[in-house]
Amino acid sequence: MEVKDLILQVEDIHKATELISSKIGEPIIIENKNFELVSYSSSSYEFDLTQQKTILSKKCPSFIIERLKKEGIVQRLEKKSDPIRIEPIEEFGFQQRIVVAVKHLGHTMGFIWVQEADRNLNQTELDFLGEVAPHLGKLIYDMYTKANVKEGRKEELLWQLLHHEYGNESQFRNEASQAKLQIPNRFSVIVFSVSAPQHKYLLDYLEGTVDRFKFHRQYQYLKSEFQLILVVEGSSREKFSSTNVARRLVDEVKKDLGDEQFYHFLIGIGKEYTELYYMRKSFLEALEVIETANFLNPRPETMPREFAELGIYRHLATLYEKNSSDDYYSEDLLRLIQNDSEKQTELLRTLEVYLANNGKGKQTAQNLFIHPNTLNYRIKQIQELTSIDFNDFNMKAYLYTELLLLNNISSYYQRYKDAIR
C-alpha cells in the first residue's frame, strides 16, 4: 500500500505526521489555524531555530507570524490550498520551507510546514502534500471537537476555553458544571515552558509541586509535552488576587525545585480577567512572555514574567527586525563599544546599568561594585565620547532598548563589532 493511502486511513494525526515526514524525507510540523503546535515529526531530521522555538513554546513565534502577514503569505493561505514556498529569514533562523493550508468543510483548520534546508521539494512531493492536506484538516477538526477520553472531559473543556473552541457561553457553562469543571470568576493564566527539550522531565517535578501547593482549589491545569498551563483563580471581590496567587505559586516552585532547575523554565503570567471570553487572551499573553524570553538569548534574569510588566520587551523582536533590515546603528553606542574594545573600559555596561536605575548614582555604583567617584568619572567619559543627553527621556528610552538588544542577542552585538572594523 502506498504511503498516501496509509495516511488517508489513519485517524491519529501524530502517525500521519510521521508518515508524511518519512515520505518527504524532511522535518514536518503541523499547526492549527492559530499557528499553535499540533504535531511534529520525531525523525532524526534537524529542525531550524524557529521550528525549535515553536516546538518548545507550542506556538509559532509572534514575530514570524507578523512577518508572514506583512508579506501577504497568511492571506494567500486563506485563499488557496496549493503549497507556498517561503524564502528564508536568516536573522530569525527561519530556513526556506513549504507551507500548505489544510482545510475541512471549507474552513482552514491549520497548516503543514515542511523545511527545505538542503533541497527544494519536487512537483511530485508538492502534489502529495496537496492530496493528504484535506485528511489532516479533518484530523485537526476531529481533535478539537471530539471528546478526548484519555485526558477526560474537564481537560477537553479547559482546552476549548483556552482556544475559543466553544459556542454558546451558557451552554458551555452547563457542560462545565456537568463535568465538575469550576469556572473562575477572576483568573490569570500562567504557563511554565521548559527552556530546552532535554529538561522536559522537570515537568513531572513541577506537577508534583503544583499538586502540593496550598491553594488546591484555586487552579486548573493542563500538561503537554513541554508545558504546564494553569488557570489560577482569585477571589471574585479582590482585584489582582489571581495575579498574587500566580506569584506565590512561582515562588513555591522556585523554593521546591531550587535555583538551578527552576531556571530551566520559561514562565509567563497573563493579565487578570473576570470574563470567560478573555481566558484565551490571558493565555496568549502568557505565551508572549515566553516567546520574548525565547527570543532573547541568553535571556536576562531581570526580564519580567508578567505580561502586564513586560513593557519595552514586547517590542524587541520588531525593533530587531527593523534595525537589522535597515542596517541601522547608534553612532553613540558604536563609539562606546570601540572605546571599550581599544582601552578595556566598561562604558557600555556602565551606561546600561545607569539607565536601568533611572540615573540613580548610588544604586548604579552598588550594582557595578564600584566607588561613586569611579561612576562619576565613567559618566563623564560617556558624555565626552557621545552626544547622549541624560536629561532627554526619549533618548534614554531609545538607548536602553538598543542596549537590551545588544546585550541579549549575540548576532546583533556582532553587527556593531563588524561595523567598527
Protein backbone atom coordinates (compact mmCIF):
# COMPACT_ATOMS: atom_id res chain seq x y z
CA MET A 1 0.00 0.00 0.00
CA GLU A 2 1.30 3.46 -0.90
CA VAL A 3 2.18 5.93 1.86
CA LYS A 4 -0.57 8.29 0.68
CA ASP A 5 -3.21 5.57 1.08
CA LEU A 6 -1.88 4.74 4.55
CA ILE A 7 -2.13 8.40 5.58
CA LEU A 8 -5.70 8.66 4.30
CA GLN A 9 -6.66 5.71 6.52
CA VAL A 10 -5.02 6.71 9.81
CA GLU A 11 -7.07 8.53 12.46
CA ASP A 12 -4.09 9.68 14.53
CA ILE A 13 -2.57 12.99 13.42
CA HIS A 14 0.79 12.19 15.00
CA LYS A 15 1.08 8.97 12.99
CA ALA A 16 0.06 10.87 9.85
CA THR A 17 2.80 13.42 10.55
CA GLU A 18 5.42 10.70 10.85
CA LEU A 19 4.26 9.09 7.59
CA ILE A 20 4.46 12.41 5.74
CA SER A 21 7.96 13.05 7.11
CA SER A 22 9.16 9.58 6.09
CA LYS A 23 7.74 10.06 2.60
CA ILE A 24 9.22 13.54 2.07
CA GLY A 25 12.44 12.94 3.99
CA GLU A 26 12.24 16.32 5.75
CA PRO A 27 11.10 17.63 9.18
CA ILE A 28 7.35 18.23 9.41
CA ILE A 29 5.37 20.50 11.73
CA ILE A 30 1.57 20.66 11.85
CA GLU A 31 -0.06 23.77 13.34
CA ASN A 32 -3.69 24.70 13.84
CA LYS A 33 -5.33 27.79 12.35
CA ASN A 34 -3.95 29.92 15.21
CA PHE A 35 -0.37 28.80 14.42
CA GLU A 36 -0.28 26.68 17.56
CA LEU A 37 1.58 23.37 17.52
CA VAL A 38 -0.49 20.27 16.85
CA SER A 39 2.13 17.70 15.88
CA TYR A 40 5.72 17.39 14.69
CA SER A 41 7.85 14.59 13.29
CA SER A 42 10.20 12.81 15.67
CA SER A 43 12.65 11.76 12.97
CA SER A 44 16.36 12.49 13.02
CA TYR A 45 15.98 15.43 10.62
CA GLU A 46 17.08 18.70 12.19
CA PHE A 47 14.56 21.48 12.85
CA ASP A 48 15.71 25.05 12.32
CA LEU A 49 15.77 27.62 15.15
CA THR A 50 12.24 28.90 14.51
CA GLN A 51 10.79 25.38 14.46
CA GLN A 52 12.63 24.52 17.68
CA LYS A 53 11.03 27.54 19.36
CA THR A 54 7.62 26.50 18.00
CA ILE A 55 8.04 23.03 19.47
CA LEU A 56 9.15 24.36 22.86
CA SER A 57 6.56 27.12 23.24
CA LYS A 58 3.79 25.20 21.42
CA LYS A 59 3.20 28.20 19.14
CA CYS A 60 4.91 29.79 16.17
CA PRO A 61 6.77 32.91 17.41
CA SER A 62 4.58 36.00 17.02
CA PHE A 63 7.28 37.97 15.20
CA ILE A 64 7.36 35.26 12.50
CA ILE A 65 3.57 35.38 12.16
CA GLU A 66 3.66 39.16 11.82
CA ARG A 67 6.37 38.88 9.16
CA LEU A 68 4.26 36.37 7.20
CA LYS A 69 1.21 38.64 7.47
CA LYS A 70 3.26 41.62 6.32
CA GLU A 71 4.39 39.70 3.24
CA GLY A 72 0.82 38.59 2.45
CA ILE A 73 1.54 34.88 2.96
CA VAL A 74 -1.12 34.38 5.64
CA GLN A 75 -3.72 35.97 3.38
CA ARG A 76 -2.68 33.72 0.47
CA LEU A 77 -3.02 30.65 2.68
CA GLU A 78 -6.61 31.61 3.50
CA LYS A 79 -7.50 31.87 -0.19
CA LYS A 80 -5.76 28.82 -1.68
CA SER A 81 -4.75 25.28 -0.80
CA ASP A 82 -1.75 24.99 -3.12
CA PRO A 83 1.70 24.71 -1.49
CA ILE A 84 3.51 28.03 -0.98
CA ARG A 85 7.29 28.34 -0.82
CA ILE A 86 8.61 30.83 1.74
CA GLU A 87 12.09 32.27 1.42
CA PRO A 88 14.49 32.07 4.39
CA ILE A 89 14.52 34.74 7.09
CA GLU A 90 18.11 34.32 8.17
CA GLU A 91 18.12 36.74 11.10
CA PHE A 92 15.41 34.63 12.81
CA GLY A 93 16.91 31.22 11.99
CA PHE A 94 13.96 30.61 9.65
CA GLN A 95 15.08 28.32 6.83
CA GLN A 96 13.30 28.01 3.50
CA ARG A 97 10.13 25.96 3.72
CA ILE A 98 6.89 24.90 2.10
CA VAL A 99 3.58 25.62 3.79
CA VAL A 100 0.22 24.11 2.84
CA ALA A 101 -3.12 25.17 4.29
CA VAL A 102 -5.21 22.22 5.47
CA LYS A 103 -8.96 22.72 5.19
CA HIS A 104 -12.10 20.88 6.24
CA LEU A 105 -15.68 21.73 5.32
CA GLY A 106 -14.42 24.84 3.56
CA HIS A 107 -12.61 26.22 6.60
CA THR A 108 -8.87 26.49 7.26
CA MET A 109 -8.04 24.15 10.13
CA GLY A 110 -4.28 24.52 10.14
CA PHE A 111 -1.03 24.26 8.19
CA ILE A 112 1.63 21.75 7.14
CA TRP A 113 5.18 23.13 7.34
CA VAL A 114 7.98 21.32 5.50
CA GLN A 115 11.55 22.50 5.91
CA GLU A 116 13.66 22.80 2.74
CA ALA A 117 17.10 23.19 4.30
CA ASP A 118 19.14 21.29 1.70
CA ARG A 119 16.87 20.95 -1.33
CA ASN A 120 13.62 22.08 -2.91
CA LEU A 121 10.72 19.65 -2.91
CA ASN A 122 9.88 18.40 -6.40
CA GLN A 123 6.47 18.67 -8.01
CA THR A 124 5.54 15.07 -7.15
CA GLU A 125 6.18 15.79 -3.46
CA LEU A 126 4.21 19.05 -3.62
CA ASP A 127 1.29 17.21 -5.23
CA PHE A 128 1.50 14.58 -2.49
CA LEU A 129 1.19 17.27 0.22
CA GLY A 130 -1.83 18.74 -1.54
CA GLU A 131 -3.50 15.33 -1.71
CA VAL A 132 -3.09 14.50 2.00
CA ALA A 133 -3.86 18.02 3.30
CA PRO A 134 -7.70 17.60 3.37
CA HIS A 135 -7.37 14.48 5.53
CA LEU A 136 -5.15 16.34 8.00
CA GLY A 137 -7.77 19.09 8.10
CA LYS A 138 -10.34 16.51 9.16
CA LEU A 139 -7.99 15.07 11.79
CA ILE A 140 -7.45 18.53 13.32
CA TYR A 141 -11.18 19.15 13.24
CA ASP A 142 -11.86 15.85 14.99
CA MET A 143 -9.14 16.52 17.55
CA TYR A 144 -10.77 19.77 18.70
CA THR A 145 -14.40 18.67 18.51
CA LYS A 146 -14.48 15.08 19.78
CA ALA A 147 -14.21 14.21 23.43
CA ASN A 148 -10.73 13.11 24.43
CA VAL A 149 -11.44 10.15 26.69
CA LYS A 150 -7.81 9.77 27.72
CA GLU A 151 -7.48 13.29 29.14
CA GLY A 152 -11.03 13.48 30.41
CA ARG A 153 -13.92 15.85 29.80
CA LYS A 154 -12.63 18.54 32.18
CA GLU A 155 -9.33 18.84 30.34
CA GLU A 156 -11.08 18.94 26.99
CA LEU A 157 -13.38 21.74 28.12
CA LEU A 158 -10.49 23.70 29.57
CA TRP A 159 -8.60 23.31 26.30
CA GLN A 160 -11.66 24.61 24.43
CA LEU A 161 -11.70 27.64 26.72
CA LEU A 162 -8.06 28.43 26.01
CA HIS A 163 -8.60 28.16 22.26
CA HIS A 164 -12.08 29.70 21.91
CA GLU A 165 -13.32 26.36 20.60
CA TYR A 166 -16.76 26.67 22.14
CA GLY A 167 -20.01 28.24 21.00
CA ASN A 168 -22.70 29.49 23.37
CA GLU A 169 -21.27 30.50 26.75
CA SER A 170 -24.36 29.47 28.68
CA GLN A 171 -24.28 26.01 27.13
CA PHE A 172 -20.57 25.74 27.81
CA ARG A 173 -21.02 26.64 31.47
CA ASN A 174 -23.70 23.94 31.71
CA GLU A 175 -21.33 21.35 30.22
CA ALA A 176 -18.56 22.50 32.56
CA SER A 177 -20.89 22.10 35.54
CA GLN A 178 -21.75 18.56 34.49
CA ALA A 179 -18.05 17.74 34.13
CA LYS A 180 -17.37 19.37 37.53
CA LEU A 181 -15.04 21.93 35.97
CA GLN A 182 -15.01 25.00 38.18
CA ILE A 183 -15.18 28.18 36.06
CA PRO A 184 -13.46 31.02 37.96
CA ASN A 185 -14.96 34.49 38.25
CA ARG A 186 -11.50 36.06 38.40
CA PHE A 187 -8.47 34.40 36.88
CA SER A 188 -5.00 34.60 35.33
CA VAL A 189 -3.29 32.06 33.10
CA ILE A 190 0.26 31.02 33.89
CA VAL A 191 2.45 28.90 31.61
CA PHE A 192 5.61 27.02 32.57
CA SER A 193 7.63 26.01 29.49
CA VAL A 194 10.94 24.14 29.58
CA SER A 195 13.82 26.06 28.01
CA ALA A 196 15.11 23.03 26.08
CA PRO A 197 13.71 19.56 25.22
CA GLN A 198 16.19 17.75 27.47
CA HIS A 199 14.64 19.43 30.50
CA LYS A 200 11.08 18.19 29.91
CA TYR A 201 11.48 15.63 32.72
CA LEU A 202 11.23 18.61 35.09
CA LEU A 203 7.54 18.93 34.25
CA ASP A 204 6.87 15.84 36.39
CA TYR A 205 8.53 17.52 39.36
CA LEU A 206 6.66 20.74 38.60
CA GLU A 207 3.36 18.87 38.52
CA GLY A 208 4.13 17.46 41.95
CA THR A 209 4.88 20.95 43.29
CA VAL A 210 1.62 22.26 41.89
CA ASP A 211 -0.32 19.41 43.46
CA ARG A 212 1.27 20.17 46.83
CA PHE A 213 0.60 23.88 46.54
CA LYS A 214 -1.57 25.08 49.42
CA PHE A 215 -4.24 26.67 47.24
CA HIS A 216 -5.54 23.36 45.90
CA ARG A 217 -8.92 24.64 44.79
CA GLN A 218 -7.65 27.77 43.11
CA TYR A 219 -6.37 26.43 39.81
CA GLN A 220 -6.96 24.05 36.91
CA TYR A 221 -4.11 22.86 34.75
CA LEU A 222 -3.19 21.10 31.52
CA LYS A 223 0.07 19.31 30.86
CA SER A 224 1.61 18.94 27.40
CA GLU A 225 4.98 17.60 26.29
CA PHE A 226 6.94 20.77 27.09
CA GLN A 227 4.49 22.93 29.07
CA LEU A 228 2.26 23.11 32.09
CA ILE A 229 -0.65 25.54 31.63
CA LEU A 230 -2.55 26.69 34.71
CA VAL A 231 -5.72 28.73 35.11
CA VAL A 232 -5.30 30.36 38.51
CA GLU A 233 -8.40 31.50 40.36
CA GLY A 234 -8.56 34.57 42.57
CA SER A 235 -11.16 35.99 44.91
CA SER A 236 -14.11 37.37 42.92
CA ARG A 237 -14.12 40.56 45.02
CA GLU A 238 -10.39 41.12 45.34
CA LYS A 239 -8.67 42.80 42.39
CA PHE A 240 -5.32 41.25 41.33
CA SER A 241 -5.92 38.30 43.68
CA SER A 242 -5.33 35.72 40.92
CA THR A 243 -2.11 37.50 39.95
CA ASN A 244 -0.97 37.32 43.57
CA VAL A 245 -1.76 33.58 43.69
CA ALA A 246 0.27 33.10 40.49
CA ARG A 247 3.22 34.96 42.03
CA ARG A 248 3.08 32.83 45.17
CA LEU A 249 2.96 29.68 43.07
CA VAL A 250 6.09 30.75 41.15
CA ASP A 251 7.87 31.41 44.44
CA GLU A 252 6.79 27.99 45.72
CA VAL A 253 8.10 26.30 42.55
CA LYS A 254 11.45 28.08 42.89
CA LYS A 255 11.73 27.09 46.53
CA ASP A 256 10.76 23.48 45.80
CA LEU A 257 12.95 22.92 42.73
CA GLY A 258 15.97 25.06 43.63
CA ASP A 259 17.59 27.76 41.51
CA GLU A 260 19.40 25.50 39.05
CA GLN A 261 16.33 23.54 37.97
CA PHE A 262 13.96 26.50 38.32
CA TYR A 263 15.84 28.48 35.68
CA HIS A 264 15.30 25.72 33.16
CA PHE A 265 11.74 27.05 32.93
CA LEU A 266 10.46 29.98 30.91
CA ILE A 267 7.47 31.38 32.81
CA GLY A 268 4.72 33.66 31.56
CA ILE A 269 1.81 35.10 33.54
CA GLY A 270 -1.12 36.61 31.64
CA LYS A 271 -3.16 39.53 32.95
CA GLU A 272 -6.09 39.06 35.29
CA TYR A 273 -9.62 38.99 33.83
CA THR A 274 -13.15 38.44 35.05
CA GLU A 275 -14.92 37.45 31.80
CA LEU A 276 -14.74 33.94 30.37
CA TYR A 277 -14.15 35.28 26.85
CA TYR A 278 -10.78 36.71 27.91
CA MET A 279 -9.31 33.45 29.19
CA ARG A 280 -7.67 32.87 25.81
CA LYS A 281 -6.33 36.43 25.89
CA SER A 282 -4.62 35.78 29.23
CA PHE A 283 -3.25 32.51 27.81
CA LEU A 284 -1.81 34.25 24.74
CA GLU A 285 -0.30 36.96 26.94
CA ALA A 286 1.50 34.30 28.99
CA LEU A 287 2.78 32.73 25.76
CA GLU A 288 4.01 36.12 24.54
CA VAL A 289 6.16 36.49 27.64
CA ILE A 290 7.67 33.07 26.92
CA GLU A 291 8.19 33.91 23.23
CA THR A 292 10.01 37.10 24.22
CA ALA A 293 12.23 35.24 26.70
CA ASN A 294 12.94 32.68 23.97
CA PHE A 295 13.85 35.45 21.54
CA LEU A 296 16.50 36.85 23.87
CA ASN A 297 19.48 34.53 24.10
CA PRO A 298 20.70 34.49 26.74
CA ARG A 299 17.60 35.92 28.33
CA PRO A 300 18.14 38.42 31.16
CA GLU A 301 17.05 37.23 34.61
CA THR A 302 15.65 40.73 35.18
CA MET A 303 13.06 40.28 32.41
CA PRO A 304 9.51 40.40 33.84
CA ARG A 305 7.48 37.19 33.96
CA GLU A 306 4.17 39.05 33.96
CA PHE A 307 2.72 40.33 30.69
CA ALA A 308 1.45 43.46 32.47
CA GLU A 309 5.05 44.36 33.31
CA LEU A 310 6.65 43.33 30.02
CA GLY A 311 6.86 46.92 28.77
CA ILE A 312 9.51 47.58 26.12
CA TYR A 313 10.44 43.88 25.97
CA ARG A 314 7.26 43.33 23.92
CA HIS A 315 8.71 45.31 21.02
CA LEU A 316 12.29 44.00 20.95
CA ALA A 317 11.68 41.46 18.16
CA THR A 318 10.07 44.11 15.94
CA LEU A 319 12.87 46.60 16.62
CA TYR A 320 15.48 43.92 15.98
CA GLU A 321 13.96 43.10 12.61
CA LYS A 322 13.63 46.75 11.57
CA ASN A 323 17.12 47.78 12.68
CA SER A 324 18.68 44.72 11.06
CA SER A 325 16.85 45.17 7.76
CA ASP A 326 17.71 48.89 7.69
CA ASP A 327 21.33 48.15 8.68
CA TYR A 328 20.88 50.72 11.45
CA TYR A 329 23.44 51.56 14.15
CA SER A 330 23.60 54.02 17.02
CA GLU A 331 26.72 56.12 16.47
CA ASP A 332 26.90 56.85 20.20
CA LEU A 333 26.91 53.17 21.15
CA LEU A 334 29.39 52.39 18.39
CA ARG A 335 31.83 54.85 19.95
CA LEU A 336 31.42 53.27 23.38
CA ILE A 337 31.93 49.74 22.02
CA GLN A 338 35.03 50.88 20.18
CA ASN A 339 36.41 52.61 23.28
CA ASP A 340 35.72 49.54 25.43
CA SER A 341 37.49 47.35 22.88
CA GLU A 342 40.54 49.56 22.45
CA LYS A 343 41.03 50.75 26.04
CA GLN A 344 39.48 47.87 28.03
CA THR A 345 36.90 50.16 29.62
CA GLU A 346 33.36 49.20 30.67
CA LEU A 347 31.44 52.22 29.47
CA LEU A 348 28.72 50.30 27.62
CA ARG A 349 27.88 48.20 30.68
CA THR A 350 28.00 51.29 32.88
CA LEU A 351 25.55 53.10 30.61
CA GLU A 352 23.15 50.14 30.65
CA VAL A 353 23.07 49.87 34.46
CA TYR A 354 22.87 53.65 34.85
CA LEU A 355 19.82 53.83 32.56
CA ALA A 356 18.22 50.77 34.18
CA ASN A 357 18.47 52.56 37.55
CA ASN A 358 16.96 55.73 36.07
CA GLY A 359 20.17 57.70 36.62
CA LYS A 360 20.45 56.93 40.32
CA GLY A 361 24.17 57.05 41.03
CA LYS A 362 24.27 55.27 44.38
CA GLN A 363 22.26 52.26 43.16
CA THR A 364 24.26 52.10 39.92
CA ALA A 365 27.59 52.11 41.74
CA GLN A 366 26.38 49.34 44.06
CA ASN A 367 25.20 47.21 41.13
CA LEU A 368 28.53 47.65 39.36
CA PHE A 369 30.56 47.16 42.59
CA ILE A 370 32.46 50.41 42.04
CA HIS A 371 33.02 53.60 44.03
CA PRO A 372 30.61 56.51 43.28
CA ASN A 373 33.60 58.61 42.18
CA THR A 374 34.52 55.91 39.64
CA LEU A 375 30.96 56.00 38.35
CA ASN A 376 31.04 59.79 38.01
CA TYR A 377 34.29 59.52 36.04
CA ARG A 378 32.77 56.93 33.69
CA ILE A 379 29.65 59.04 33.12
CA LYS A 380 31.86 62.00 32.28
CA GLN A 381 33.77 59.84 29.77
CA ILE A 382 30.49 58.74 28.18
CA GLN A 383 29.38 62.34 27.80
CA GLU A 384 32.71 63.34 26.26
CA LEU A 385 32.63 60.49 23.73
CA THR A 386 28.96 60.77 22.73
CA SER A 387 26.09 63.18 22.20
CA ILE A 388 23.96 61.50 24.87
CA ASP A 389 21.78 63.93 26.83
CA PHE A 390 20.81 62.34 30.14
CA ASN A 391 18.04 64.92 30.56
CA ASP A 392 16.32 63.72 27.35
CA PHE A 393 13.83 60.99 28.29
CA ASN A 394 13.25 59.85 24.68
CA MET A 395 16.98 59.44 24.11
CA LYS A 396 17.39 57.44 27.31
CA ALA A 397 14.44 55.17 26.46
CA TYR A 398 15.79 54.57 22.95
CA LEU A 399 19.33 53.85 24.19
CA TYR A 400 18.09 51.41 26.83
CA THR A 401 16.12 49.50 24.21
CA GLU A 402 19.11 49.30 21.90
CA LEU A 403 21.27 48.12 24.82
CA LEU A 404 18.80 45.32 25.58
CA LEU A 405 19.22 44.09 22.01
CA LEU A 406 22.99 44.43 22.13
CA ASN A 407 23.39 42.58 25.41
CA ASN A 408 20.91 39.78 24.78
CA ILE A 409 21.33 38.92 21.09
CA SER A 410 24.86 37.95 20.17
CA SER A 411 24.34 38.40 16.42
CA TYR A 412 23.11 41.95 16.99
CA TYR A 413 26.20 42.83 19.02
CA GLN A 414 28.38 41.25 16.34
CA ARG A 415 26.87 43.62 13.74
CA TYR A 416 28.13 46.54 15.81
CA LYS A 417 31.56 44.95 16.22
CA ASP A 418 31.80 44.38 12.46
CA ALA A 419 30.82 48.00 11.81
CA ILE A 420 33.86 49.21 13.75
CA ARG A 421 36.32 47.34 11.53
